[in-house]
PDB file of N, CA and C in Angstrom:
ATOM      1  N   MET A   1     112.398  81.328 113.259  1.00  0.00           N
ATOM      2  CA  MET A   1     112.876  79.989 113.405  1.00  0.00           C
ATOM      3  C   MET A   1     112.189  78.801 112.395  1.00  0.00           C
ATOM      4  N   ASN A   2     112.780  77.910 112.064  1.00  0.00           N
ATOM      5  CA  ASN A   2     112.401  76.778 111.636  1.00  0.00           C
ATOM      6  C   ASN A   2     112.400  75.485 112.478  1.00  0.00           C
ATOM      7  N   GLY A   3     111.641  74.486 112.073  1.00  0.00           N
ATOM      8  CA  GLY A   3     111.583  73.454 113.084  1.00  0.00           C
ATOM      9  C   GLY A   3     112.766  72.741 113.522  1.00  0.00           C
ATOM     10  N   MET A   4     113.817  73.004 112.980  1.00  0.00           N
ATOM     11  CA  MET A   4     114.997  72.365 113.457  1.00  0.00           C
ATOM     12  C   MET A   4     115.291  73.391 114.693  1.00  0.00           C
ATOM     13  N   ASP A   5     115.294  74.740 114.116  1.00  0.00           N
ATOM     14  CA  ASP A   5     115.631  75.540 115.147  1.00  0.00           C
ATOM     15  C   ASP A   5     115.004  75.509 116.670  1.00  0.00           C
ATOM     16  N   TRP A   6     113.747  75.398 116.321  1.00  0.00           N
ATOM     17  CA  TRP A   6     112.722  74.588 117.678  1.00  0.00           C
ATOM     18  C   TRP A   6     113.062  73.721 118.417  1.00  0.00           C
ATOM     19  N   VAL A   7     113.457  72.674 117.669  1.00  0.00           N
ATOM     20  CA  VAL A   7     113.942  71.351 118.168  1.00  0.00           C
ATOM     21  C   VAL A   7     114.861  71.792 118.972  1.00  0.00           C
ATOM     22  N   GLU A   8     116.245  72.268 118.357  1.00  0.00           N
ATOM     23  CA  GLU A   8     117.184  72.947 119.078  1.00  0.00           C
ATOM     24  C   GLU A   8     117.274  73.412 120.223  1.00  0.00           C
ATOM     25  N   PHE A   9     116.306  74.537 120.108  1.00  0.00           N
ATOM     26  CA  PHE A   9     115.941  75.411 121.399  1.00  0.00           C
ATOM     27  C   PHE A   9     115.537  74.753 122.554  1.00  0.00           C
ATOM     28  N   LEU A  10     114.365  73.985 122.448  1.00  0.00           N
ATOM     29  CA  LEU A  10     113.831  72.785 123.374  1.00  0.00           C
ATOM     30  C   LEU A  10     115.090  72.193 124.074  1.00  0.00           C
ATOM     31  N   ARG A  11     115.896  71.440 123.058  1.00  0.00           N
ATOM     32  CA  ARG A  11     116.863  70.341 123.911  1.00  0.00           C
ATOM     33  C   ARG A  11     117.881  71.342 124.595  1.00  0.00           C
ATOM     34  N   GLN A  12     118.212  72.466 124.120  1.00  0.00           N
ATOM     35  CA  GLN A  12     119.057  73.289 125.111  1.00  0.00           C
ATOM     36  C   GLN A  12     118.385  73.774 126.113  1.00  0.00           C
ATOM     37  N   THR A  13     116.746  74.139 126.494  1.00  0.00           N
ATOM     38  CA  THR A  13     116.281  74.699 127.252  1.00  0.00           C
ATOM     39  C   THR A  13     116.321  73.478 128.348  1.00  0.00           C
ATOM     40  N   GLU A  14     115.878  72.370 127.807  1.00  0.00           N
ATOM     41  CA  GLU A  14     115.567  71.374 128.775  1.00  0.00           C
ATOM     42  C   GLU A  14     117.219  70.893 129.341  1.00  0.00           C
ATOM     43  N   ASP A  15     117.872  71.069 128.915  1.00  0.00           N
ATOM     44  CA  ASP A  15     119.144  70.830 129.542  1.00  0.00           C
ATOM     45  C   ASP A  15     119.568  71.677 130.382  1.00  0.00           C
ATOM     46  N   LYS A  16     119.178  73.052 130.300  1.00  0.00           N
ATOM     47  CA  LYS A  16     119.676  74.111 131.183  1.00  0.00           C
ATOM     48  C   LYS A  16     118.418  73.562 132.285  1.00  0.00           C
ATOM     49  N   MET A  17     117.243  73.345 132.319  1.00  0.00           N
ATOM     50  CA  MET A  17     116.264  72.891 133.380  1.00  0.00           C
ATOM     51  C   MET A  17     116.690  71.878 134.126  1.00  0.00           C
ATOM     52  N   ALA A  18     117.328  71.026 133.208  1.00  0.00           N
ATOM     53  CA  ALA A  18     118.055  69.593 134.145  1.00  0.00           C
ATOM     54  C   ALA A  18     119.198  70.345 135.279  1.00  0.00           C
ATOM     55  N   HIS A  19     119.933  71.077 134.722  1.00  0.00           N
ATOM     56  CA  HIS A  19     120.880  71.745 135.456  1.00  0.00           C
ATOM     57  C   HIS A  19     120.368  72.535 136.674  1.00  0.00           C
ATOM     58  N   LEU A  20     119.117  73.121 136.626  1.00  0.00           N
ATOM     59  CA  LEU A  20     118.495  74.077 137.547  1.00  0.00           C
ATOM     60  C   LEU A  20     118.286  72.986 138.719  1.00  0.00           C
ATOM     61  N   HIS A  21     117.141  71.846 138.278  1.00  0.00           N
ATOM     62  CA  HIS A  21     116.910  70.842 139.241  1.00  0.00           C
ATOM     63  C   HIS A  21     117.660  70.211 139.875  1.00  0.00           C
ATOM     64  N   LYS A  22     119.188  70.120 139.542  1.00  0.00           N
ATOM     65  CA  LYS A  22     120.360  69.479 140.082  1.00  0.00           C
ATOM     66  C   LYS A  22     120.907  70.475 141.152  1.00  0.00           C
ATOM     67  N   ALA A  23     120.951  71.719 140.807  1.00  0.00           N
ATOM     68  CA  ALA A  23     121.132  72.853 141.740  1.00  0.00           C
ATOM     69  C   ALA A  23     120.188  72.825 143.076  1.00  0.00           C
ATOM     70  N   MET A  24     119.145  73.015 142.525  1.00  0.00           N
ATOM     71  CA  MET A  24     118.056  73.158 143.405  1.00  0.00           C
ATOM     72  C   MET A  24     117.939  71.757 144.344  1.00  0.00           C
ATOM     73  N   ASP A  25     118.483  70.681 144.150  1.00  0.00           N
ATOM     74  CA  ASP A  25     118.569  69.682 144.926  1.00  0.00           C
ATOM     75  C   ASP A  25     119.378  69.670 145.825  1.00  0.00           C
ATOM     76  N   GLU A  26     120.602  70.287 145.537  1.00  0.00           N
ATOM     77  CA  GLU A  26     121.604  70.532 146.256  1.00  0.00           C
ATOM     78  C   GLU A  26     121.249  71.402 147.546  1.00  0.00           C
ATOM     79  N   ILE A  27     120.832  72.418 147.121  1.00  0.00           N
ATOM     80  CA  ILE A  27     120.346  73.646 147.974  1.00  0.00           C
ATOM     81  C   ILE A  27     119.098  73.350 148.929  1.00  0.00           C
ATOM     82  N   SER A  28     117.990  72.335 148.315  1.00  0.00           N
ATOM     83  CA  SER A  28     116.748  72.354 149.310  1.00  0.00           C
ATOM     84  C   SER A  28     117.107  71.882 150.279  1.00  0.00           C
ATOM     85  N   LEU A  29     118.086  71.238 150.983  1.00  0.00           N
ATOM     86  CA  LEU A  29     118.403  70.812 152.271  1.00  0.00           C
ATOM     87  C   LEU A  29     119.112  71.858 153.384  1.00  0.00           C
ATOM     88  N   LYS A  30     119.035  73.098 152.558  1.00  0.00           N
ATOM     89  CA  LYS A  30     119.885  74.144 153.601  1.00  0.00           C
ATOM     90  C   LYS A  30     118.441  74.855 153.558  1.00  0.00           C
ATOM     91  N   PRO A  31     118.172  75.341 155.214  1.00  0.00           N
ATOM     92  CA  PRO A  31     116.992  76.088 155.281  1.00  0.00           C
ATOM     93  C   PRO A  31     117.061  77.486 155.025  1.00  0.00           C
ATOM     94  N   GLU A  32     118.419  77.810 154.986  1.00  0.00           N
ATOM     95  CA  GLU A  32     118.328  79.444 154.587  1.00  0.00           C
ATOM     96  C   GLU A  32     117.904  79.626 152.966  1.00  0.00           C
ATOM     97  N   TYR A  33     117.882  78.796 152.130  1.00  0.00           N
ATOM     98  CA  TYR A  33     117.401  78.703 150.979  1.00  0.00           C
ATOM     99  C   TYR A  33     115.809  78.337 150.693  1.00  0.00           C
ATOM    100  N   THR A  34     115.136  78.006 151.748  1.00  0.00           N
ATOM    101  CA  THR A  34     113.686  77.510 151.368  1.00  0.00           C
ATOM    102  C   THR A  34     113.078  78.430 150.317  1.00  0.00           C
ATOM    103  N   GLU A  35     113.059  79.597 151.009  1.00  0.00           N
ATOM    104  CA  GLU A  35     112.231  80.609 149.925  1.00  0.00           C
ATOM    105  C   GLU A  35     112.851  80.648 148.160  1.00  0.00           C
ATOM    106  N   THR A  36     114.351  80.307 148.557  1.00  0.00           N
ATOM    107  CA  THR A  36     114.815  80.466 146.844  1.00  0.00           C
ATOM    108  C   THR A  36     114.376  79.207 146.231  1.00  0.00           C
ATOM    109  N   VAL A  37     114.314  78.035 146.742  1.00  0.00           N
ATOM    110  CA  VAL A  37     114.018  77.024 145.976  1.00  0.00           C
ATOM    111  C   VAL A  37     112.367  77.119 145.792  1.00  0.00           C
ATOM    112  N   SER A  38     111.625  77.524 146.677  1.00  0.00           N
ATOM    113  CA  SER A  38     110.239  77.545 146.379  1.00  0.00           C
ATOM    114  C   SER A  38     110.047  78.568 144.954  1.00  0.00           C
ATOM    115  N   ALA A  39     110.776  80.012 144.845  1.00  0.00           N
ATOM    116  CA  ALA A  39     110.601  80.512 143.735  1.00  0.00           C
ATOM    117  C   ALA A  39     110.999  79.716 142.557  1.00  0.00           C
ATOM    118  N   MET A  40     112.534  79.166 142.449  1.00  0.00           N
ATOM    119  CA  MET A  40     112.723  78.416 141.493  1.00  0.00           C
ATOM    120  C   MET A  40     111.623  77.332 141.160  1.00  0.00           C
ATOM    121  N   THR A  41     111.027  76.376 141.884  1.00  0.00           N
ATOM    122  CA  THR A  41     110.067  75.731 141.644  1.00  0.00           C
ATOM    123  C   THR A  41     109.136  76.046 140.651  1.00  0.00           C
ATOM    124  N   GLU A  42     108.743  77.444 141.042  1.00  0.00           N
ATOM    125  CA  GLU A  42     107.799  78.053 140.357  1.00  0.00           C
ATOM    126  C   GLU A  42     108.121  78.464 139.150  1.00  0.00           C
ATOM    127  N   VAL A  43     109.505  79.145 139.008  1.00  0.00           N
ATOM    128  CA  VAL A  43     109.843  79.474 137.611  1.00  0.00           C
ATOM    129  C   VAL A  43     110.032  78.024 136.883  1.00  0.00           C
ATOM    130  N   LEU A  44     110.636  77.120 137.261  1.00  0.00           N
ATOM    131  CA  LEU A  44     110.890  75.942 136.218  1.00  0.00           C
ATOM    132  C   LEU A  44     109.353  75.402 135.875  1.00  0.00           C
ATOM    133  N   ARG A  45     108.394  75.182 136.868  1.00  0.00           N
ATOM    134  CA  ARG A  45     106.981  74.751 136.607  1.00  0.00           C
ATOM    135  C   ARG A  45     106.661  75.611 135.419  1.00  0.00           C
ATOM    136  N   ASP A  46     106.854  77.097 135.150  1.00  0.00           N
ATOM    137  CA  ASP A  46     106.261  77.640 134.139  1.00  0.00           C
ATOM    138  C   ASP A  46     107.049  77.614 132.960  1.00  0.00           C
ATOM    139  N   TYR A  47     108.057  77.140 133.086  1.00  0.00           N
ATOM    140  CA  TYR A  47     109.193  77.123 131.737  1.00  0.00           C
ATOM    141  C   TYR A  47     108.630  75.650 131.288  1.00  0.00           C
ATOM    142  N   GLN A  48     108.418  74.718 132.093  1.00  0.00           N
ATOM    143  CA  GLN A  48     107.953  73.437 131.750  1.00  0.00           C
ATOM    144  C   GLN A  48     106.837  73.432 130.872  1.00  0.00           C
ATOM    145  N   LEU A  49     105.882  74.313 131.507  1.00  0.00           N
ATOM    146  CA  LEU A  49     104.615  74.614 130.672  1.00  0.00           C
ATOM    147  C   LEU A  49     104.644  75.040 129.638  1.00  0.00           C
ATOM    148  N   LEU A  50     105.681  76.048 129.415  1.00  0.00           N
ATOM    149  CA  LEU A  50     106.213  76.984 128.051  1.00  0.00           C
ATOM    150  C   LEU A  50     106.597  75.692 127.161  1.00  0.00           C
ATOM    151  N   LEU A  51     107.483  74.938 127.799  1.00  0.00           N
ATOM    152  CA  LEU A  51     108.391  73.892 126.475  1.00  0.00           C
ATOM    153  C   LEU A  51     106.967  72.925 126.073  1.00  0.00           C
ATOM    154  N   GLU A  52     106.389  72.766 127.101  1.00  0.00           N
ATOM    155  CA  GLU A  52     105.326  71.508 126.550  1.00  0.00           C
ATOM    156  C   GLU A  52     104.306  72.332 125.449  1.00  0.00           C
ATOM    157  N   LYS A  53     104.042  73.601 125.600  1.00  0.00           N
ATOM    158  CA  LYS A  53     103.320  74.065 124.642  1.00  0.00           C
ATOM    159  C   LYS A  53     103.887  74.699 123.503  1.00  0.00           C
ATOM    160  N   ALA A  54     105.289  74.837 123.387  1.00  0.00           N
ATOM    161  CA  ALA A  54     106.250  75.022 122.378  1.00  0.00           C
ATOM    162  C   ALA A  54     106.260  73.324 121.562  1.00  0.00           C
ATOM    163  N   ARG A  55     106.298  72.505 122.357  1.00  0.00           N
ATOM    164  CA  ARG A  55     106.524  71.082 121.726  1.00  0.00           C
ATOM    165  C   ARG A  55     105.289  70.704 120.851  1.00  0.00           C
ATOM    166  N   GLU A  56     104.109  71.085 121.547  1.00  0.00           N
ATOM    167  CA  GLU A  56     102.781  70.693 120.820  1.00  0.00           C
ATOM    168  C   GLU A  56     102.593  71.739 119.742  1.00  0.00           C
ATOM    169  N   GLU A  57     102.927  72.781 119.678  1.00  0.00           N
ATOM    170  CA  GLU A  57     102.895  73.921 118.660  1.00  0.00           C
ATOM    171  C   GLU A  57     103.851  73.133 117.477  1.00  0.00           C
ATOM    172  N   LEU A  58     105.062  72.707 117.879  1.00  0.00           N
ATOM    173  CA  LEU A  58     105.826  72.170 116.695  1.00  0.00           C
ATOM    174  C   LEU A  58     105.429  70.919 115.967  1.00  0.00           C
ATOM    175  N   ASN A  59     104.848  70.192 116.983  1.00  0.00           N
ATOM    176  CA  ASN A  59     104.211  68.769 116.651  1.00  0.00           C
ATOM    177  C   ASN A  59     102.727  69.173 115.537  1.00  0.00           C
ATOM    178  N   GLU A  60     102.240  70.174 115.961  1.00  0.00           N
ATOM    179  CA  GLU A  60     100.767  70.427 115.098  1.00  0.00           C
ATOM    180  C   GLU A  60     101.525  71.334 113.902  1.00  0.00           C
ATOM    181  N   SER A  61     102.403  71.981 114.100  1.00  0.00           N
ATOM    182  CA  SER A  61     103.002  72.375 112.688  1.00  0.00           C
ATOM    183  C   SER A  61     103.399  71.675 111.771  1.00  0.00           C
ATOM    184  N   GLU A  62     103.964  70.524 112.424  1.00  0.00           N
ATOM    185  CA  GLU A  62     104.801  69.271 111.423  1.00  0.00           C
ATOM    186  C   GLU A  62     103.361  68.525 110.738  1.00  0.00           C
ATOM    187  N   ILE A  63     102.318  68.316 111.680  1.00  0.00           N
ATOM    188  CA  ILE A  63     101.215  67.775 111.204  1.00  0.00           C
ATOM    189  C   ILE A  63     100.552  68.469 109.976  1.00  0.00           C
ATOM    190  N   ARG A  64     100.236  69.884 110.155  1.00  0.00           N
ATOM    191  CA  ARG A  64      99.682  70.725 109.349  1.00  0.00           C
ATOM    192  C   ARG A  64     100.711  70.690 108.193  1.00  0.00           C
ATOM    193  N   ARG A  65     102.201  70.880 108.285  1.00  0.00           N
ATOM    194  CA  ARG A  65     102.631  70.665 107.054  1.00  0.00           C
ATOM    195  C   ARG A  65     102.785  69.506 105.877  1.00  0.00           C
ATOM    196  N   ARG A  66     102.555  68.212 106.779  1.00  0.00           N
ATOM    197  CA  ARG A  66     102.267  66.981 106.234  1.00  0.00           C
ATOM    198  C   ARG A  66     101.008  66.991 105.513  1.00  0.00           C
ATOM    199  N   ASP A  67      99.952  67.699 106.147  1.00  0.00           N
ATOM    200  CA  ASP A  67      98.600  67.268 105.576  1.00  0.00           C
ATOM    201  C   ASP A  67      98.706  68.017 104.363  1.00  0.00           C
ATOM    202  N   ASP A  68      99.285  69.597 104.517  1.00  0.00           N
ATOM    203  CA  ASP A  68      99.175  70.506 103.330  1.00  0.00           C
ATOM    204  C   ASP A  68     100.152  69.786 101.974  1.00  0.00           C
ATOM    205  N   ARG A  69     101.188  68.842 102.276  1.00  0.00           N
ATOM    206  CA  ARG A  69     102.096  68.190 101.362  1.00  0.00           C
ATOM    207  C   ARG A  69     100.889  66.895 100.708  1.00  0.00           C
ATOM    208  N   ARG A  70     100.308  66.496 101.537  1.00  0.00           N
ATOM    209  CA  ARG A  70      99.175  65.290 101.200  1.00  0.00           C
ATOM    210  C   ARG A  70      98.235  66.049 100.330  1.00  0.00           C
ATOM    211  N   ASP A  71      97.753  67.131 100.778  1.00  0.00           N
ATOM    212  CA  ASP A  71      96.708  67.922  99.845  1.00  0.00           C
ATOM    213  C   ASP A  71      97.460  68.219  98.490  1.00  0.00           C
ATOM    214  N   ASP A  72      98.545  68.657  98.183  1.00  0.00           N
ATOM    215  CA  ASP A  72      99.173  69.270  97.433  1.00  0.00           C
ATOM    216  C   ASP A  72      99.348  68.019  96.444  1.00  0.00           C
ATOM    217  N   ARG A  73      99.505  66.837  96.906  1.00  0.00           N
ATOM    218  CA  ARG A  73      99.824  65.791  95.901  1.00  0.00           C
ATOM    219  C   ARG A  73      98.645  65.382  95.466  1.00  0.00           C
ATOM    220  N   GLU A  74      97.286  65.066  96.242  1.00  0.00           N
ATOM    221  CA  GLU A  74      95.935  64.791  95.911  1.00  0.00           C
ATOM    222  C   GLU A  74      95.696  65.743  94.663  1.00  0.00           C
ATOM    223  N   HIS A  75      95.713  66.862  95.091  1.00  0.00           N
ATOM    224  CA  HIS A  75      95.503  68.261  94.159  1.00  0.00           C
ATOM    225  C   HIS A  75      96.107  67.819  92.585  1.00  0.00           C
ATOM    226  N   ASP A  76      97.560  67.472  92.762  1.00  0.00           N
ATOM    227  CA  ASP A  76      98.477  67.097  91.574  1.00  0.00           C
ATOM    228  C   ASP A  76      97.862  65.723  90.750  1.00  0.00           C
ATOM    229  N   ARG A  77      97.420  64.837  91.562  1.00  0.00           N
ATOM    230  CA  ARG A  77      96.963  63.762  91.198  1.00  0.00           C
ATOM    231  C   ARG A  77      95.784  64.213  90.389  1.00  0.00           C
ATOM    232  N   GLU A  78      94.635  64.715  91.406  1.00  0.00           N
ATOM    233  CA  GLU A  78      93.471  65.131  90.379  1.00  0.00           C
ATOM    234  C   GLU A  78      93.741  65.834  89.034  1.00  0.00           C
ATOM    235  N   ARG A  79      94.619  67.149  89.116  1.00  0.00           N
ATOM    236  CA  ARG A  79      95.115  67.746  88.285  1.00  0.00           C
ATOM    237  C   ARG A  79      95.593  67.058  86.912  1.00  0.00           C
ATOM    238  N   ASP A  80      96.337  65.924  87.247  1.00  0.00           N
ATOM    239  CA  ASP A  80      96.694  64.998  86.074  1.00  0.00           C
ATOM    240  C   ASP A  80      95.876  64.161  85.382  1.00  0.00           C
ATOM    241  N   ARG A  81      94.883  63.591  86.162  1.00  0.00           N
ATOM    242  CA  ARG A  81      93.900  62.813  85.735  1.00  0.00           C
ATOM    243  C   ARG A  81      92.849  64.103  84.911  1.00  0.00           C
ATOM    244  N   GLY A  82      92.868  65.024  85.546  1.00  0.00           N
ATOM    245  CA  GLY A  82      91.949  65.827  84.411  1.00  0.00           C
ATOM    246  C   GLY A  82      92.710  65.966  82.898  1.00  0.00           C
ATOM    247  N   HIS A  83      94.122  66.212  82.871  1.00  0.00           N
ATOM    248  CA  HIS A  83      94.726  66.334  81.820  1.00  0.00           C
ATOM    249  C   HIS A  83      94.449  65.224  80.976  1.00  0.00           C
ATOM    250  N   GLU A  84      94.603  63.721  81.481  1.00  0.00           N
ATOM    251  CA  GLU A  84      94.747  62.611  80.926  1.00  0.00           C
ATOM    252  C   GLU A  84      93.218  62.542  80.415  1.00  0.00           C
ATOM    253  N   GLU A  85      92.189  63.226  80.669  1.00  0.00           N
ATOM    254  CA  GLU A  85      90.630  63.001  80.040  1.00  0.00           C
ATOM    255  C   GLU A  85      90.891  63.870  78.728  1.00  0.00           C
ATOM    256  N   PHE A  86      91.666  64.795  78.632  1.00  0.00           N
ATOM    257  CA  PHE A  86      91.627  65.590  77.365  1.00  0.00           C
ATOM    258  C   PHE A  86      92.480  65.183  76.407  1.00  0.00           C
ATOM    259  N   GLU A  87      93.509  64.263  76.841  1.00  0.00           N
ATOM    260  CA  GLU A  87      94.520  63.809  75.589  1.00  0.00           C
ATOM    261  C   GLU A  87      93.990  62.673  74.897  1.00  0.00           C
TER     262      GLU A  87
END
C-alpha cells in the first residue's frame, strides 16, 4: 500500500471505531452487556494502539522520503558543482 492508501485505511478504521464507541455507549447502561462492553473496550484500546503505531510509521516514512529527496538534491548539487569545476 502506498501512503495515500494508508491514510484512507486509517480514516476508515477511525470511522468504524467511532461507530463502535457509539454502540458501546448505547449498550453500556444495560447490565446484561457489562461483559460485552468490557471486551469491546479492550478490543478498541488495542485497535487504537495499532492505529497510533500505523500513524507513526506513516509519518516516519514520509520524513524518511523527504530526507531521501533532500539528500538526492544535495548530491545532485554537489555533482553539478564538480562538473562546473572541469568546464
